């Protein structure tokens, strides 16, 4: 028994050592890739830390050294020296806070804002060059992997900041159809039959004139398409709304977009006077099912079927709105 435990401990230690080595190897590669080891970041006279401080100052009208240090996790003395450099270069201004004269407010000067915007522009161009050599599928996989790493290391950092829900524009329906086909093929191995079904559902919605009780939303994250969903009147029960085609881009997951889209559908259905809202999904879509359950939907029917090149278990979920309203 002790020998087995010892062997298991050795195996775990070896695996941990390999993981640590792999992460350190990636860190060395990526710091070279983005120029962190250069004397000046992005061919500028600023170090990485100085550039990050400038970036944070550029996101607010003013702040204090204490708040800035806490946000960035910087030693107070180290940050003070950086701010002294910025002050000598006339990149920042300092003044006593009107609300509390014990605190000094720090803000970028007009020169400092120009420097910060120039660094931001250089950073965008640097990343664009790095991504420019990737195929579209490689790029999406890479960005999704970064998002997954961020969620894993800092799950509390997931936020709805930067998420906007809007009405569809020209090109949105085509994008939604294409991304459904691509994502479900990549993640579940579903074939063109699924994309054909999605094309039909979106096509039916888009071809008709806007009808009362039906609506489509596009979710954007920082200005980029990140999700979609729409609601129509249920064909079998006019008192029920039908939620259809919920999708969130892999790279945008973890920002509460799926939850926001579902909540918007429920609020809309309630405002339109529907008695319930229903949806059809498959049990392999575990993340979506968890969102539906969290929103109060209940499983009311299941059916085994073969579709999209797979054996699947279909599920119908429903949320009663009349009881919730009363």
Protein backbone atom coordinates (compact mmCIF):
# COMPACT_ATOMS: atom_id res chain seq x y z
CA UNK A 1 0.00 0.00 0.00
CA UNK A 2 2.80 2.43 0.92
CA UNK A 3 4.64 1.54 -2.29
CA UNK A 4 1.52 2.34 -4.33
CA UNK A 5 1.08 5.68 -2.55
CA UNK A 6 4.76 6.48 -3.08
CA UNK A 7 4.53 5.67 -6.78
CA UNK A 8 1.42 7.84 -7.08
CA UNK A 9 3.17 10.72 -5.29
CA UNK A 10 6.17 10.42 -7.59
CA UNK A 11 3.90 10.41 -10.65
CA UNK A 12 2.05 13.50 -9.41
CA UNK A 13 5.33 15.31 -8.70
CA UNK A 14 6.66 14.44 -12.16
CA UNK A 15 3.46 15.69 -13.80
CA UNK A 16 3.63 18.91 -11.78
CA UNK A 17 7.25 19.44 -12.79
CA UNK A 18 6.35 18.95 -16.47
CA UNK A 19 3.47 21.43 -16.18
CA UNK A 20 5.69 24.03 -14.52
CA UNK A 21 8.37 23.57 -17.19
CA UNK A 22 5.78 23.92 -19.96
CA UNK A 23 4.39 27.17 -18.54
CA UNK A 24 7.89 28.61 -18.03
CA UNK A 25 8.79 27.62 -21.59
CA UNK A 26 5.71 29.43 -22.92
CA UNK A 27 6.48 32.50 -20.78
CA UNK A 28 9.98 32.72 -22.25
CA UNK A 29 8.59 32.37 -25.77
CA UNK A 30 5.79 34.89 -25.33
CA UNK A 31 7.89 37.57 -23.64
CA UNK A 32 10.18 37.46 -26.67
CA UNK A 33 7.19 37.45 -28.99
CA UNK A 34 5.71 40.69 -27.63
CA UNK A 35 9.03 42.43 -27.05
CA UNK A 36 8.97 42.57 -23.24
CA UNK A 37 12.71 41.89 -23.13
CA UNK A 38 13.52 44.86 -25.35
CA UNK A 39 15.08 47.88 -23.68
CA UNK A 40 12.00 49.92 -24.58
CA UNK A 41 8.55 48.39 -25.05
CA UNK A 42 7.23 48.68 -28.63
CA UNK A 43 10.24 50.77 -29.71
CA UNK A 44 9.38 53.39 -27.08
CA UNK A 45 11.43 54.83 -24.20
CA UNK A 46 9.11 53.14 -21.67
CA UNK A 47 9.39 49.83 -19.87
CA UNK A 48 6.50 47.38 -19.74
CA UNK A 49 5.53 48.51 -16.23
CA UNK A 50 5.69 52.19 -17.16
CA UNK A 51 3.52 51.54 -20.22
CA UNK A 52 0.99 49.68 -18.09
CA UNK A 53 0.80 52.55 -15.61
CA UNK A 54 0.21 54.96 -18.51
CA UNK A 55 -2.52 52.69 -19.85
CA UNK A 56 -4.35 52.59 -16.51
CA UNK A 57 -4.09 56.39 -16.18
CA UNK A 58 -5.58 56.65 -19.66
CA UNK A 59 -8.70 54.74 -18.59
CA UNK A 60 -9.75 57.23 -15.90
CA UNK A 61 -10.11 60.97 -15.55
CA UNK A 62 -7.96 60.94 -12.43
CA UNK A 63 -6.90 58.56 -9.65
CA UNK A 64 -4.59 58.34 -6.65
CA UNK A 65 -1.27 56.57 -6.28
CA UNK A 66 -2.81 54.32 -3.62
CA UNK A 67 -5.66 53.18 -5.90
CA UNK A 68 -3.30 52.78 -8.86
CA UNK A 69 -0.85 50.70 -6.84
CA UNK A 70 -3.60 48.44 -5.50
CA UNK A 71 -5.04 47.87 -8.97
CA UNK A 72 -1.68 46.96 -10.48
CA UNK A 73 -0.20 45.23 -7.44
CA UNK A 74 2.85 47.52 -7.47
CA UNK A 75 5.08 48.39 -4.54
CA UNK A 76 4.36 51.95 -3.39
CA UNK A 77 8.02 53.01 -3.63
CA UNK A 78 8.42 51.53 -7.12
CA UNK A 79 5.24 53.24 -8.34
CA UNK A 80 6.34 56.53 -6.77
CA UNK A 81 9.57 56.44 -8.78
CA UNK A 82 7.65 55.77 -12.00
CA UNK A 83 5.32 58.69 -11.29
CA UNK A 84 8.31 60.94 -10.60
CA UNK A 85 9.67 60.08 -14.06
CA UNK A 86 6.29 60.88 -15.61
CA UNK A 87 6.11 64.18 -13.73
CA UNK A 88 9.59 65.24 -14.97
CA UNK A 89 8.48 64.46 -18.53
CA UNK A 90 5.28 66.45 -17.93
CA UNK A 91 3.13 63.40 -18.68
CA UNK A 92 1.06 63.70 -15.50
CA UNK A 93 -0.34 66.42 -13.28
CA UNK A 94 -0.96 66.26 -9.55
CA UNK A 95 -3.39 68.17 -7.37
CA UNK A 96 -5.02 67.88 -3.98
CA UNK A 97 -8.38 66.11 -4.12
CA UNK A 98 -11.28 68.52 -3.70
CA UNK A 99 -13.18 66.04 -1.51
CA UNK A 100 -10.21 65.24 0.73
CA UNK A 101 -7.06 67.37 0.68
CA UNK A 102 -5.07 64.53 2.24
CA UNK A 103 -5.17 62.72 -1.09
CA UNK A 104 -3.37 63.72 -4.28
CA UNK A 105 -5.14 63.11 -7.58
CA UNK A 106 -3.06 62.06 -10.57
CA UNK A 107 -4.14 62.65 -14.16
CA UNK A 108 -2.56 62.50 -17.59
CA UNK A 109 -1.65 65.82 -19.15
CA UNK A 110 -2.44 66.41 -22.83
CA UNK A 111 1.13 65.30 -23.62
CA UNK A 112 0.71 62.23 -21.45
CA UNK A 113 -2.54 61.28 -23.17
CA UNK A 114 -0.88 61.57 -26.59
CA UNK A 115 1.92 59.27 -25.41
CA UNK A 116 -0.56 56.80 -23.94
CA UNK A 117 -2.65 56.72 -27.12
CA UNK A 118 0.49 56.26 -29.23
CA UNK A 119 1.57 53.30 -27.08
CA UNK A 120 -1.93 51.84 -27.33
CA UNK A 121 -1.85 52.18 -31.11
CA UNK A 122 1.58 50.53 -31.29
CA UNK A 123 0.35 47.66 -29.13
CA UNK A 124 -2.67 47.07 -31.39
CA UNK A 125 -0.47 47.04 -34.49
CA UNK A 126 1.99 44.66 -32.81
CA UNK A 127 -0.76 42.18 -31.95
CA UNK A 128 -2.31 42.57 -35.40
CA UNK A 129 1.02 41.63 -36.99
CA UNK A 130 1.30 38.59 -34.74
CA UNK A 131 -2.23 37.43 -35.62
CA UNK A 132 -1.81 38.29 -39.29
CA UNK A 133 0.20 35.14 -39.93
CA UNK A 134 -2.53 32.86 -38.60
CA UNK A 135 -5.37 31.24 -40.48
CA UNK A 136 -8.85 32.28 -39.36
CA UNK A 137 -9.46 28.96 -37.57
CA UNK A 138 -6.05 29.16 -35.87
CA UNK A 139 -6.74 32.72 -34.78
CA UNK A 140 -10.12 31.85 -33.26
CA UNK A 141 -8.65 28.82 -31.49
CA UNK A 142 -5.78 30.91 -30.13
CA UNK A 143 -8.04 33.69 -28.81
CA UNK A 144 -10.45 31.15 -27.30
CA UNK A 145 -7.51 29.44 -25.55
CA UNK A 146 -6.40 32.74 -24.04
CA UNK A 147 -9.91 33.40 -22.79
CA UNK A 148 -10.06 29.93 -21.25
CA UNK A 149 -6.70 30.47 -19.54
CA UNK A 150 -7.95 33.79 -18.14
CA UNK A 151 -11.15 32.23 -16.81
CA UNK A 152 -9.21 29.35 -15.26
CA UNK A 153 -6.65 31.51 -13.48
CA UNK A 154 -9.02 34.34 -12.50
CA UNK A 155 -12.65 33.17 -12.60
CA UNK A 156 -13.76 36.20 -10.57
CA UNK A 157 -12.51 38.47 -13.35
CA UNK A 158 -15.37 37.46 -15.66
CA UNK A 159 -17.57 40.51 -16.13
CA UNK A 160 -20.34 41.88 -18.28
CA UNK A 161 -18.38 45.10 -18.85
CA UNK A 162 -18.15 45.87 -22.55
CA UNK A 163 -21.18 43.68 -23.40
CA UNK A 164 -23.90 45.31 -25.51
CA UNK A 165 -27.13 43.75 -26.79
CA UNK A 166 -28.48 45.27 -30.00
CA UNK A 167 -30.87 44.71 -32.89
CA UNK A 168 -29.49 42.92 -35.98
CA UNK A 169 -27.69 44.77 -38.76
CA UNK A 170 -26.96 43.74 -42.34
CA UNK A 171 -24.62 40.72 -42.31
CA UNK A 172 -25.53 39.59 -38.79
CA UNK A 173 -27.81 36.74 -39.90
CA UNK A 174 -25.16 35.36 -42.27
CA UNK A 175 -22.58 35.56 -39.51
CA UNK A 176 -24.90 33.77 -37.05
CA UNK A 177 -25.55 30.92 -39.50
CA UNK A 178 -21.86 30.50 -40.33
CA UNK A 179 -20.71 30.56 -36.71
CA UNK A 180 -23.36 28.02 -35.66
CA UNK A 181 -22.13 25.67 -38.36
CA UNK A 182 -18.44 26.17 -37.59
CA UNK A 183 -18.64 26.04 -33.79
CA UNK A 184 -20.92 23.01 -33.59
CA UNK A 185 -18.78 21.16 -36.13
CA UNK A 186 -15.62 21.92 -34.13
CA UNK A 187 -17.04 21.24 -30.66
CA UNK A 188 -19.54 18.43 -31.31
CA UNK A 189 -18.72 17.07 -34.77
CA UNK A 190 -22.17 17.94 -36.15
CA UNK A 191 -22.49 17.86 -39.93
CA UNK A 192 -24.04 20.16 -42.56
CA UNK A 193 -27.54 18.99 -41.67
CA UNK A 194 -27.32 21.15 -38.56
CA UNK A 195 -26.12 24.20 -40.47
CA UNK A 196 -28.98 23.66 -42.92
CA UNK A 197 -31.50 23.67 -40.08
CA UNK A 198 -30.00 26.83 -38.61
CA UNK A 199 -30.06 28.50 -42.02
CA UNK A 200 -33.75 27.66 -42.35
CA UNK A 201 -34.63 29.01 -38.88
CA UNK A 202 -32.73 32.25 -39.34
CA UNK A 203 -33.92 32.55 -42.94
CA UNK A 204 -37.56 32.21 -41.90
CA UNK A 205 -37.07 34.93 -39.31
CA UNK A 206 -35.20 37.30 -41.62
CA UNK A 207 -37.51 36.93 -44.65
CA UNK A 208 -40.64 38.06 -42.88
CA UNK A 209 -41.52 41.59 -41.88
CA UNK A 210 -40.96 42.34 -38.18
CA UNK A 211 -43.83 40.80 -36.22
CA UNK A 212 -45.11 41.63 -32.78
CA UNK A 213 -43.84 39.24 -30.15
CA UNK A 214 -40.71 38.25 -32.08
CA UNK A 215 -37.21 39.68 -31.86
CA UNK A 216 -33.53 38.89 -32.50
CA UNK A 217 -30.58 40.16 -30.46
CA UNK A 218 -26.88 40.35 -31.30
CA UNK A 219 -24.46 40.51 -28.37
CA UNK A 220 -21.26 42.47 -28.82
CA UNK A 221 -18.17 42.30 -26.62
CA UNK A 222 -15.93 45.34 -26.97
CA UNK A 223 -17.50 46.10 -30.35
CA UNK A 224 -17.18 42.59 -31.81
CA UNK A 225 -20.01 40.12 -32.45
CA UNK A 226 -20.02 37.69 -29.54
CA UNK A 227 -23.45 36.03 -29.37
CA UNK A 228 -26.96 35.74 -30.76
CA UNK A 229 -30.44 34.55 -29.83
CA UNK A 230 -33.98 35.15 -31.04
CA UNK A 231 -37.57 34.67 -29.91
CA UNK A 232 -40.56 33.74 -32.07
CA UNK A 233 -44.13 32.73 -31.33
CA UNK A 234 -44.42 28.99 -30.75
CA UNK A 235 -46.06 27.35 -33.77
CA UNK A 236 -48.16 24.97 -31.66
CA UNK A 237 -49.10 27.28 -28.80
CA UNK A 238 -49.59 31.00 -29.55
CA UNK A 239 -49.48 31.71 -25.80
CA UNK A 240 -45.86 30.49 -25.68
CA UNK A 241 -42.67 32.18 -26.87
CA UNK A 242 -39.97 30.02 -28.45
CA UNK A 243 -36.33 30.76 -27.63
CA UNK A 244 -34.07 29.76 -30.52
CA UNK A 245 -30.44 29.52 -31.58
CA UNK A 246 -28.61 30.74 -28.48
CA UNK A 247 -24.91 30.98 -29.30
CA UNK A 248 -21.90 32.59 -27.62
CA UNK A 249 -18.52 32.80 -29.33
CA UNK A 250 -15.94 30.56 -27.60
CA UNK A 251 -13.57 33.49 -27.11
CA UNK A 252 -16.34 35.52 -25.45
CA UNK A 253 -17.48 32.91 -22.95
CA UNK A 254 -17.14 33.72 -19.28
CA UNK A 255 -18.46 37.29 -19.63
CA UNK A 256 -22.08 36.49 -18.75
CA UNK A 257 -23.25 36.91 -22.34
CA UNK A 258 -25.34 33.74 -22.48
CA UNK A 259 -27.07 34.67 -19.23
CA UNK A 260 -27.72 38.21 -20.49
CA UNK A 261 -29.24 36.93 -23.73
CA UNK A 262 -31.53 34.49 -21.92
CA UNK A 263 -32.63 37.16 -19.44
CA UNK A 264 -33.42 39.50 -22.33
CA UNK A 265 -35.57 36.82 -23.99
CA UNK A 266 -37.47 36.17 -20.75
CA UNK A 267 -38.07 39.87 -20.09
CA UNK A 268 -39.23 40.40 -23.67
CA UNK A 269 -41.59 37.41 -23.56
CA UNK A 270 -43.06 38.61 -20.28
CA UNK A 271 -43.55 42.16 -21.61
CA UNK A 272 -45.26 40.76 -24.72
CA UNK A 273 -47.79 38.92 -22.58
CA UNK A 274 -46.67 35.35 -23.24
CA UNK A 275 -47.68 32.83 -20.61
CA UNK A 276 -44.54 30.71 -20.97
CA UNK A 277 -41.29 30.50 -22.88
CA UNK A 278 -40.05 27.18 -24.28
CA UNK A 279 -36.93 25.94 -26.02
CA UNK A 280 -35.54 22.78 -27.57
CA UNK A 281 -31.96 21.66 -27.10
CA UNK A 282 -29.84 18.50 -26.75
CA UNK A 283 -28.39 17.14 -23.54
CA UNK A 284 -24.81 17.27 -24.87
CA UNK A 285 -24.99 21.08 -24.70
CA UNK A 286 -24.21 21.01 -20.99
CA UNK A 287 -23.16 24.66 -20.59
CA UNK A 288 -26.36 25.93 -22.22
CA UNK A 289 -28.50 23.60 -20.11
CA UNK A 290 -26.91 24.99 -16.93
CA UNK A 291 -27.81 28.50 -18.06
CA UNK A 292 -31.42 27.50 -18.72
CA UNK A 293 -31.68 25.82 -15.31
CA UNK A 294 -30.21 28.87 -13.59
CA UNK A 295 -32.81 31.05 -15.32
CA UNK A 296 -35.62 28.88 -13.95
CA UNK A 297 -36.40 26.65 -16.94
CA UNK A 298 -37.58 23.12 -16.20
CA UNK A 299 -37.12 20.01 -18.32
CA UNK A 300 -40.56 18.85 -19.53
CA UNK A 301 -39.80 16.29 -22.28
CA UNK A 302 -36.97 14.24 -23.82
CA UNK A 303 -36.66 12.34 -27.08
CA UNK A 304 -33.84 10.21 -28.50
CA UNK A 305 -33.10 10.97 -32.14
CA UNK A 306 -30.39 10.73 -34.76
CA UNK A 307 -29.60 14.09 -36.31
CA UNK A 308 -26.61 16.07 -37.55
CA UNK A 309 -24.65 12.83 -37.96
CA UNK A 310 -24.94 11.86 -34.26
CA UNK A 311 -27.16 9.93 -31.85
CA UNK A 312 -28.62 12.60 -29.59
CA UNK A 313 -31.07 13.09 -26.77
CA UNK A 314 -33.33 16.06 -27.45
CA UNK A 315 -34.82 18.02 -24.58
CA UNK A 316 -37.69 20.49 -24.28
CA UNK A 317 -37.46 23.06 -21.50
CA UNK A 318 -40.10 25.54 -20.35
CA UNK A 319 -40.43 28.50 -18.01
CA UNK A 320 -43.87 29.57 -16.82
CA UNK A 321 -44.16 33.35 -16.94
CA UNK A 322 -47.66 33.87 -15.55
CA UNK A 323 -46.79 32.46 -12.13
CA UNK A 324 -43.53 34.45 -12.06
CA UNK A 325 -45.44 37.63 -12.96
CA UNK A 326 -48.04 37.15 -10.28
